[in-house]
């Protein structure tokens, strides 16, 4: 089975921990090389962020467990890259 190189996750999280602390905690996981966290929306009590996690062998279950531990909820997994990175091309539907 090819290792996961990138996973993009839509997450609902509380204000605390901060987005910075959230990204740092996920980036400390084994197999993770880097994390991008993008704020998509802020509500009264929660924030919606897009988390992009990259590495040579990302353990999705460990990422999801860390998100749960930090009080976040996975809304959706929007992208998974396994094996070699493949350039996305625009199609007529786009």
Protein backbone atom coordinates (compact mmCIF):
# COMPACT_ATOMS: atom_id res chain seq x y z
CA UNK A 1 0.00 0.00 0.00
CA UNK A 2 1.43 3.40 -1.01
CA UNK A 3 2.11 5.80 1.87
CA UNK A 4 0.07 8.98 2.29
CA UNK A 5 2.11 12.02 1.25
CA UNK A 6 -0.56 14.71 1.66
CA UNK A 7 -3.96 14.96 3.26
CA UNK A 8 -6.19 18.04 3.18
CA UNK A 9 -8.81 18.11 5.92
CA UNK A 10 -11.70 20.48 6.61
CA UNK A 11 -11.90 20.88 10.40
CA UNK A 12 -14.23 22.58 12.86
CA UNK A 13 -12.27 23.60 15.98
CA UNK A 14 -12.82 25.61 19.15
CA UNK A 15 -11.02 28.96 19.57
CA UNK A 16 -8.58 27.28 21.96
CA UNK A 17 -6.13 25.92 21.12
CA UNK A 18 -5.24 28.62 18.61
CA UNK A 19 -4.76 27.75 14.95
CA UNK A 20 -1.00 28.14 15.49
CA UNK A 21 -0.99 25.69 18.40
CA UNK A 22 -3.25 23.33 16.42
CA UNK A 23 -0.87 23.29 13.43
CA UNK A 24 2.20 22.90 15.65
CA UNK A 25 0.67 19.93 17.49
CA UNK A 26 -0.13 18.12 14.24
CA UNK A 27 3.30 18.96 12.77
CA UNK A 28 4.96 17.21 15.73
CA UNK A 29 3.46 13.85 14.71
CA UNK A 30 5.77 11.14 13.37
CA UNK A 31 5.90 11.10 9.57
CA UNK A 32 4.72 14.71 9.20
CA UNK A 33 7.11 17.06 7.41
CA UNK A 34 4.91 20.16 7.38
CA UNK A 35 1.45 21.56 8.06
CA UNK A 36 -0.47 24.46 6.55
CA UNK A 37 -3.49 25.75 8.47
CA UNK A 38 -5.84 28.17 6.72
CA UNK A 39 -8.71 29.89 8.51
CA UNK A 40 -11.84 29.56 6.38
CA UNK A 41 -14.54 30.91 8.70
CA UNK A 42 -14.99 32.19 12.24
CA UNK A 43 -18.20 31.82 14.23
CA UNK A 44 -19.10 32.83 17.77
CA UNK A 45 -17.67 29.70 19.38
CA UNK A 46 -15.78 27.81 16.66
CA UNK A 47 -13.47 28.20 13.69
CA UNK A 48 -13.42 26.30 10.42
CA UNK A 49 -9.90 25.60 9.15
CA UNK A 50 -8.36 23.76 6.22
CA UNK A 51 -5.42 21.68 7.40
CA UNK A 52 -2.90 20.46 4.81
CA UNK A 53 -0.54 17.83 6.20
CA UNK A 54 2.47 16.58 4.22
CA UNK A 55 5.20 14.05 4.85
CA UNK A 56 6.82 10.90 3.54
CA UNK A 57 4.42 8.64 5.38
CA UNK A 58 1.54 10.49 7.07
CA UNK A 59 -0.42 8.34 9.52
CA UNK A 60 -3.98 9.60 8.96
CA UNK A 61 -5.30 7.81 12.05
CA UNK A 62 -2.69 9.60 14.20
CA UNK A 63 -3.62 12.94 12.60
CA UNK A 64 -7.31 12.32 13.25
CA UNK A 65 -6.58 11.28 16.85
CA UNK A 66 -4.60 14.50 17.41
CA UNK A 67 -7.45 16.57 15.94
CA UNK A 68 -9.88 14.84 18.32
CA UNK A 69 -7.51 15.35 21.26
CA UNK A 70 -7.34 19.10 20.46
CA UNK A 71 -11.15 19.34 20.44
CA UNK A 72 -11.55 19.48 16.66
CA UNK A 73 -13.97 17.64 14.42
CA UNK A 74 -13.20 16.41 10.90
CA UNK A 75 -15.87 17.69 8.50
CA UNK A 76 -14.33 16.14 5.41
CA UNK A 77 -11.15 14.81 3.87
CA UNK A 78 -10.84 16.96 0.76
CA UNK A 79 -7.67 15.52 -0.77
CA UNK A 80 -5.38 12.53 -0.35
CA UNK A 81 -2.08 12.04 -2.18
CA UNK A 82 -0.50 8.59 -2.08
CA UNK A 83 2.77 7.57 -3.67
CA UNK A 84 4.27 10.12 -6.05
CA UNK A 85 2.77 13.62 -6.15
CA UNK A 86 0.56 13.95 -9.23
CA UNK A 87 -0.05 17.34 -10.78
CA UNK A 88 -3.73 18.11 -11.03
CA UNK A 89 -4.89 19.29 -14.42
CA UNK A 90 -7.86 21.44 -15.26
CA UNK A 91 -10.72 19.61 -16.94
CA UNK A 92 -13.72 21.03 -18.79
CA UNK A 93 -15.85 20.49 -15.67
CA UNK A 94 -13.56 22.90 -13.76
